[in-house]
Amino acid sequence: MSTAASPHPSNIPRRMVLMGVAGCGKSSVGAALATRCSAVYRDGDDLHPAENITKMSKGIPLADADRWPWLTRVAIALRADIGPTIIGCSALKRAYRQHIERIAGSPVTFIHLAGTAEVIEKRIKERQGHFMPPALLASQFAALQPPGPDENAISVDIDQPLDAVVEAIVAQLGGLRK
């Protein structure tokens, strides 16, 4: 972990979503970023309805109808306004991100953890105890709509050490809506 000073609290958005396909590092980056920024981290997987986890565990991709209740739960958790909050949530489509921001009721900063299919597939195969099978990775990339320049979002390449990913995020946070 970096020994650099923490960013000034005014530079840290109140509501952040670490987004990207399964295996991009949302949980690891989220925990490290929360420590670095004195924020609270919540894993969006913990907000999934049980039916969603059952489907994914069986290798069945989620449909939009499955995702909306989950995305609403993510947005409600952000709306709680307990201080700077980071939630790991795939938020693969623009419509999902718009839904989260609309329900949250104020700006949400989306942090896209971007990586190649090869890098992410390797990570998925190496992790233990997660419900998401590698077979669903292709469906995640097929659904992914990376944030556009008009969105309140940054993108960081995950093919680097964890500390470098966190520092790249912190370096980009200052100019965004809070």
C-alpha atoms as a PDB file:
ATOM      1  CA  MET A   1       0.000   0.000   0.000  1.00  0.00           C
ATOM      2  CA  SER A   2       1.235   3.444  -0.849  1.00  0.00           C
ATOM      3  CA  THR A   3       2.561   5.656   1.885  1.00  0.00           C
ATOM      4  CA  ALA A   4       1.523   8.804   0.017  1.00  0.00           C
ATOM      5  CA  ALA A   5      -0.730  11.177   1.899  1.00  0.00           C
ATOM      6  CA  SER A   6      -4.437  10.574   1.574  1.00  0.00           C
ATOM      7  CA  PRO A   7      -6.226  12.854  -0.869  1.00  0.00           C
ATOM      8  CA  HIS A   8      -7.974  15.879   0.571  1.00  0.00           C
ATOM      9  CA  PRO A   9     -11.565  14.943   1.550  1.00  0.00           C
ATOM     10  CA  SER A  10     -12.986  17.535  -0.854  1.00  0.00           C
ATOM     11  CA  ASN A  11     -11.356  15.647  -3.740  1.00  0.00           C
ATOM     12  CA  ILE A  12     -13.111  12.383  -2.902  1.00  0.00           C
ATOM     13  CA  PRO A  13     -16.556  11.888  -4.416  1.00  0.00           C
ATOM     14  CA  ARG A  14     -19.281  10.970  -1.912  1.00  0.00           C
ATOM     15  CA  ARG A  15     -20.645   8.139  -4.071  1.00  0.00           C
ATOM     16  CA  MET A  16     -18.455   5.886  -6.186  1.00  0.00           C
ATOM     17  CA  VAL A  17     -19.121   2.672  -8.089  1.00  0.00           C
ATOM     18  CA  LEU A  18     -16.229   0.450  -9.083  1.00  0.00           C
ATOM     19  CA  MET A  19     -17.506  -1.083 -12.292  1.00  0.00           C
ATOM     20  CA  GLY A  20     -16.407  -3.671 -14.787  1.00  0.00           C
ATOM     21  CA  VAL A  21     -16.815  -7.275 -15.763  1.00  0.00           C
ATOM     22  CA  ALA A  22     -16.535 -10.122 -13.279  1.00  0.00           C
ATOM     23  CA  GLY A  23     -12.947 -10.712 -12.210  1.00  0.00           C
ATOM     24  CA  CYS A  24     -11.684  -7.185 -12.916  1.00  0.00           C
ATOM     25  CA  GLY A  25     -10.810  -6.661  -9.247  1.00  0.00           C
ATOM     26  CA  LYS A  26     -13.740  -4.695  -7.846  1.00  0.00           C
ATOM     27  CA  SER A  27     -13.475  -6.280  -4.387  1.00  0.00           C
ATOM     28  CA  SER A  28      -9.686  -6.002  -4.058  1.00  0.00           C
ATOM     29  CA  VAL A  29      -9.491  -2.509  -5.500  1.00  0.00           C
ATOM     30  CA  GLY A  30     -12.560  -1.424  -3.520  1.00  0.00           C
ATOM     31  CA  ALA A  31     -11.081  -2.469  -0.182  1.00  0.00           C
ATOM     32  CA  ALA A  32      -7.709  -0.861  -0.959  1.00  0.00           C
ATOM     33  CA  LEU A  33      -9.265   2.327  -2.340  1.00  0.00           C
ATOM     34  CA  ALA A  34     -11.556   2.659   0.674  1.00  0.00           C
ATOM     35  CA  THR A  35      -8.566   2.442   2.994  1.00  0.00           C
ATOM     36  CA  ARG A  36      -6.613   4.933   0.889  1.00  0.00           C
ATOM     37  CA  CYS A  37      -9.500   7.438   0.777  1.00  0.00           C
ATOM     38  CA  SER A  38     -11.069   6.893   4.212  1.00  0.00           C
ATOM     39  CA  ALA A  39     -14.251   5.659   2.559  1.00  0.00           C
ATOM     40  CA  VAL A  40     -16.645   2.779   3.209  1.00  0.00           C
ATOM     41  CA  TYR A  41     -16.550  -0.140   0.767  1.00  0.00           C
ATOM     42  CA  ARG A  42     -19.503  -2.445   0.074  1.00  0.00           C
ATOM     43  CA  ASP A  43     -19.342  -5.417  -2.232  1.00  0.00           C
ATOM     44  CA  GLY A  44     -22.273  -5.242  -4.630  1.00  0.00           C
ATOM     45  CA  ASP A  45     -22.393  -9.046  -4.716  1.00  0.00           C
ATOM     46  CA  ASP A  46     -23.794  -8.864  -1.176  1.00  0.00           C
ATOM     47  CA  LEU A  47     -26.755  -6.877  -2.542  1.00  0.00           C
ATOM     48  CA  HIS A  48     -27.762  -9.433  -5.184  1.00  0.00           C
ATOM     49  CA  PRO A  49     -31.083 -11.204  -4.654  1.00  0.00           C
ATOM     50  CA  ALA A  50     -30.528 -14.895  -3.887  1.00  0.00           C
ATOM     51  CA  GLU A  51     -32.135 -15.841  -7.217  1.00  0.00           C
ATOM     52  CA  ASN A  52     -29.415 -13.952  -9.108  1.00  0.00           C
ATOM     53  CA  ILE A  53     -26.610 -15.744  -7.303  1.00  0.00           C
ATOM     54  CA  THR A  54     -28.289 -19.093  -7.947  1.00  0.00           C
ATOM     55  CA  LYS A  55     -28.561 -18.324 -11.673  1.00  0.00           C
ATOM     56  CA  MET A  56     -24.963 -17.177 -11.989  1.00  0.00           C
ATOM     57  CA  SER A  57     -23.705 -20.153  -9.963  1.00  0.00           C
ATOM     58  CA  LYS A  58     -25.351 -22.394 -12.541  1.00  0.00           C
ATOM     59  CA  GLY A  59     -23.637 -20.522 -15.385  1.00  0.00           C
ATOM     60  CA  ILE A  60     -26.807 -18.703 -16.468  1.00  0.00           C
ATOM     61  CA  PRO A  61     -26.214 -15.058 -17.441  1.00  0.00           C
ATOM     62  CA  LEU A  62     -28.487 -12.485 -15.828  1.00  0.00           C
ATOM     63  CA  ALA A  63     -31.080 -10.744 -17.968  1.00  0.00           C
ATOM     64  CA  ASP A  64     -31.956  -7.086 -17.526  1.00  0.00           C
ATOM     65  CA  ALA A  65     -35.054  -8.094 -15.542  1.00  0.00           C
ATOM     66  CA  ASP A  66     -32.757  -9.861 -13.056  1.00  0.00           C
ATOM     67  CA  ARG A  67     -30.440  -6.884 -12.750  1.00  0.00           C
ATOM     68  CA  TRP A  68     -32.885  -4.012 -12.095  1.00  0.00           C
ATOM     69  CA  PRO A  69     -33.751  -4.979  -8.474  1.00  0.00           C
ATOM     70  CA  TRP A  70     -30.043  -5.431  -7.738  1.00  0.00           C
ATOM     71  CA  LEU A  71     -29.104  -2.107  -9.307  1.00  0.00           C
ATOM     72  CA  THR A  72     -31.831  -0.427  -7.261  1.00  0.00           C
ATOM     73  CA  ARG A  73     -30.352  -1.928  -4.080  1.00  0.00           C
ATOM     74  CA  VAL A  74     -26.920  -0.583  -5.072  1.00  0.00           C
ATOM     75  CA  ALA A  75     -28.376   2.893  -5.633  1.00  0.00           C
ATOM     76  CA  ILE A  76     -30.256   2.848  -2.326  1.00  0.00           C
ATOM     77  CA  ALA A  77     -27.038   1.891  -0.534  1.00  0.00           C
ATOM     78  CA  LEU A  78     -25.321   4.878  -2.162  1.00  0.00           C
ATOM     79  CA  ARG A  79     -28.212   7.171  -1.263  1.00  0.00           C
ATOM     80  CA  ALA A  80     -27.722   6.345   2.447  1.00  0.00           C
ATOM     81  CA  ASP A  81     -24.985   9.042   2.462  1.00  0.00           C
ATOM     82  CA  ILE A  82     -22.867   7.669   5.304  1.00  0.00           C
ATOM     83  CA  GLY A  83     -19.838   9.526   4.001  1.00  0.00           C
ATOM     84  CA  PRO A  84     -17.642   8.635   1.051  1.00  0.00           C
ATOM     85  CA  THR A  85     -18.940   5.269  -0.142  1.00  0.00           C
ATOM     86  CA  ILE A  86     -17.600   2.867  -2.755  1.00  0.00           C
ATOM     87  CA  ILE A  87     -19.691  -0.027  -4.058  1.00  0.00           C
ATOM     88  CA  GLY A  88     -18.394  -2.718  -6.367  1.00  0.00           C
ATOM     89  CA  CYS A  89     -21.044  -3.244  -9.067  1.00  0.00           C
ATOM     90  CA  SER A  90     -20.552  -4.362 -12.657  1.00  0.00           C
ATOM     91  CA  ALA A  91     -22.779  -1.514 -13.994  1.00  0.00           C
ATOM     92  CA  LEU A  92     -22.041  -2.861 -17.462  1.00  0.00           C
ATOM     93  CA  LYS A  93     -24.502  -0.767 -19.450  1.00  0.00           C
ATOM     94  CA  ARG A  94     -25.050   2.982 -19.662  1.00  0.00           C
ATOM     95  CA  ALA A  95     -28.723   2.462 -18.741  1.00  0.00           C
ATOM     96  CA  TYR A  96     -27.644   0.669 -15.549  1.00  0.00           C
ATOM     97  CA  ARG A  97     -25.362   3.553 -14.582  1.00  0.00           C
ATOM     98  CA  GLN A  98     -28.107   6.096 -15.304  1.00  0.00           C
ATOM     99  CA  HIS A  99     -30.525   4.071 -13.154  1.00  0.00           C
ATOM    100  CA  ILE A 100     -28.055   3.953 -10.255  1.00  0.00           C
ATOM    101  CA  GLU A 101     -27.421   7.695 -10.410  1.00  0.00           C
ATOM    102  CA  ARG A 102     -31.141   8.525 -10.724  1.00  0.00           C
ATOM    103  CA  ILE A 103     -32.098   6.401  -7.697  1.00  0.00           C
ATOM    104  CA  ALA A 104     -29.060   7.556  -5.673  1.00  0.00           C
ATOM    105  CA  GLY A 105     -30.384  11.094  -6.090  1.00  0.00           C
ATOM    106  CA  SER A 106     -27.047  12.794  -6.630  1.00  0.00           C
ATOM    107  CA  PRO A 107     -23.908  12.402  -8.729  1.00  0.00           C
ATOM    108  CA  VAL A 108     -22.195   9.038  -8.710  1.00  0.00           C
ATOM    109  CA  THR A 109     -18.629   8.635  -9.917  1.00  0.00           C
ATOM    110  CA  PHE A 110     -18.097   5.457 -11.933  1.00  0.00           C
ATOM    111  CA  ILE A 111     -14.613   3.977 -11.886  1.00  0.00           C
ATOM    112  CA  HIS A 112     -14.221   1.519 -14.763  1.00  0.00           C
ATOM    113  CA  LEU A 113     -11.681  -1.193 -14.022  1.00  0.00           C
ATOM    114  CA  ALA A 114     -10.692  -2.039 -17.576  1.00  0.00           C
ATOM    115  CA  GLY A 115      -8.741  -5.062 -18.720  1.00  0.00           C
ATOM    116  CA  THR A 116      -8.449  -7.497 -21.572  1.00  0.00           C
ATOM    117  CA  ALA A 117     -10.428 -10.718 -21.671  1.00  0.00           C
ATOM    118  CA  GLU A 118      -7.167 -12.664 -21.307  1.00  0.00           C
ATOM    119  CA  VAL A 119      -6.082 -10.842 -18.137  1.00  0.00           C
ATOM    120  CA  ILE A 120      -9.517 -11.124 -16.547  1.00  0.00           C
ATOM    121  CA  GLU A 121     -10.050 -14.777 -17.515  1.00  0.00           C
ATOM    122  CA  LYS A 122      -6.745 -15.661 -15.848  1.00  0.00           C
ATOM    123  CA  ARG A 123      -7.837 -13.853 -12.677  1.00  0.00           C
ATOM    124  CA  ILE A 124     -11.225 -15.586 -12.608  1.00  0.00           C
ATOM    125  CA  LYS A 125      -9.616 -19.008 -12.962  1.00  0.00           C
ATOM    126  CA  GLU A 126      -7.218 -18.237 -10.089  1.00  0.00           C
ATOM    127  CA  ARG A 127      -9.772 -16.993  -7.555  1.00  0.00           C
ATOM    128  CA  GLN A 128     -11.371 -19.310  -5.063  1.00  0.00           C
ATOM    129  CA  GLY A 129     -14.876 -19.499  -3.622  1.00  0.00           C
ATOM    130  CA  HIS A 130     -16.696 -17.089  -5.927  1.00  0.00           C
ATOM    131  CA  PHE A 131     -20.052 -17.962  -7.477  1.00  0.00           C
ATOM    132  CA  MET A 132     -19.277 -16.484 -10.924  1.00  0.00           C
ATOM    133  CA  PRO A 133     -17.905 -19.173 -13.262  1.00  0.00           C
ATOM    134  CA  PRO A 134     -15.397 -18.322 -16.019  1.00  0.00           C
ATOM    135  CA  ALA A 135     -17.991 -19.446 -18.586  1.00  0.00           C
ATOM    136  CA  LEU A 136     -19.984 -16.228 -17.987  1.00  0.00           C
ATOM    137  CA  LEU A 137     -17.099 -13.897 -18.822  1.00  0.00           C
ATOM    138  CA  ALA A 138     -17.971 -13.734 -22.530  1.00  0.00           C
ATOM    139  CA  SER A 139     -21.525 -12.633 -21.690  1.00  0.00           C
ATOM    140  CA  GLN A 140     -20.123  -9.911 -19.436  1.00  0.00           C
ATOM    141  CA  PHE A 141     -17.887  -8.519 -22.184  1.00  0.00           C
ATOM    142  CA  ALA A 142     -20.783  -8.744 -24.665  1.00  0.00           C
ATOM    143  CA  ALA A 143     -22.943  -6.596 -22.353  1.00  0.00           C
ATOM    144  CA  LEU A 144     -20.189  -4.111 -21.430  1.00  0.00           C
ATOM    145  CA  GLN A 145     -20.676  -0.548 -22.641  1.00  0.00           C
ATOM    146  CA  PRO A 146     -17.605   1.309 -21.371  1.00  0.00           C
ATOM    147  CA  PRO A 147     -18.430   4.748 -19.984  1.00  0.00           C
ATOM    148  CA  GLY A 148     -18.515   7.516 -22.555  1.00  0.00           C
ATOM    149  CA  PRO A 149     -16.789  10.892 -22.263  1.00  0.00           C
ATOM    150  CA  ASP A 150     -20.106  12.477 -21.268  1.00  0.00           C
ATOM    151  CA  GLU A 151     -20.428  10.243 -18.194  1.00  0.00           C
ATOM    152  CA  ASN A 152     -19.061  11.060 -14.746  1.00  0.00           C
ATOM    153  CA  ALA A 153     -16.488   8.298 -15.025  1.00  0.00           C
ATOM    154  CA  ILE A 154     -12.832   7.444 -15.160  1.00  0.00           C
ATOM    155  CA  SER A 155     -11.165   4.339 -16.526  1.00  0.00           C
ATOM    156  CA  VAL A 156      -8.110   2.584 -15.143  1.00  0.00           C
ATOM    157  CA  ASP A 157      -6.112  -0.267 -16.674  1.00  0.00           C
ATOM    158  CA  ILE A 158      -6.058  -3.175 -14.213  1.00  0.00           C
ATOM    159  CA  ASP A 159      -3.009  -4.897 -15.730  1.00  0.00           C
ATOM    160  CA  GLN A 160      -0.712  -3.410 -13.095  1.00  0.00           C
ATOM    161  CA  PRO A 161      -0.076  -3.949  -9.370  1.00  0.00           C
ATOM    162  CA  LEU A 162      -2.957  -3.187  -6.987  1.00  0.00           C
ATOM    163  CA  ASP A 163      -1.195  -0.165  -5.465  1.00  0.00           C
ATOM    164  CA  ALA A 164      -0.673   1.311  -8.928  1.00  0.00           C
ATOM    165  CA  VAL A 165      -4.366   0.816  -9.797  1.00  0.00           C
ATOM    166  CA  VAL A 166      -5.414   2.600  -6.595  1.00  0.00           C
ATOM    167  CA  GLU A 167      -2.975   5.473  -7.169  1.00  0.00           C
ATOM    168  CA  ALA A 168      -4.181   5.854 -10.777  1.00  0.00           C
ATOM    169  CA  ILE A 169      -7.759   6.147  -9.508  1.00  0.00           C
ATOM    170  CA  VAL A 170      -6.869   8.687  -6.814  1.00  0.00           C
ATOM    171  CA  ALA A 171      -4.933  10.764  -9.354  1.00  0.00           C
ATOM    172  CA  GLN A 172      -8.011  11.028 -11.594  1.00  0.00           C
ATOM    173  CA  LEU A 173     -10.694  11.762  -8.970  1.00  0.00           C
ATOM    174  CA  GLY A 174     -10.137  15.496  -8.481  1.00  0.00           C
ATOM    175  CA  GLY A 175     -11.818  16.841 -11.619  1.00  0.00           C
ATOM    176  CA  LEU A 176     -15.098  14.957 -11.403  1.00  0.00           C
ATOM    177  CA  ARG A 177     -18.510  15.938 -10.024  1.00  0.00           C
ATOM    178  CA  LYS A 178     -18.832  14.984  -6.388  1.00  0.00           C
END
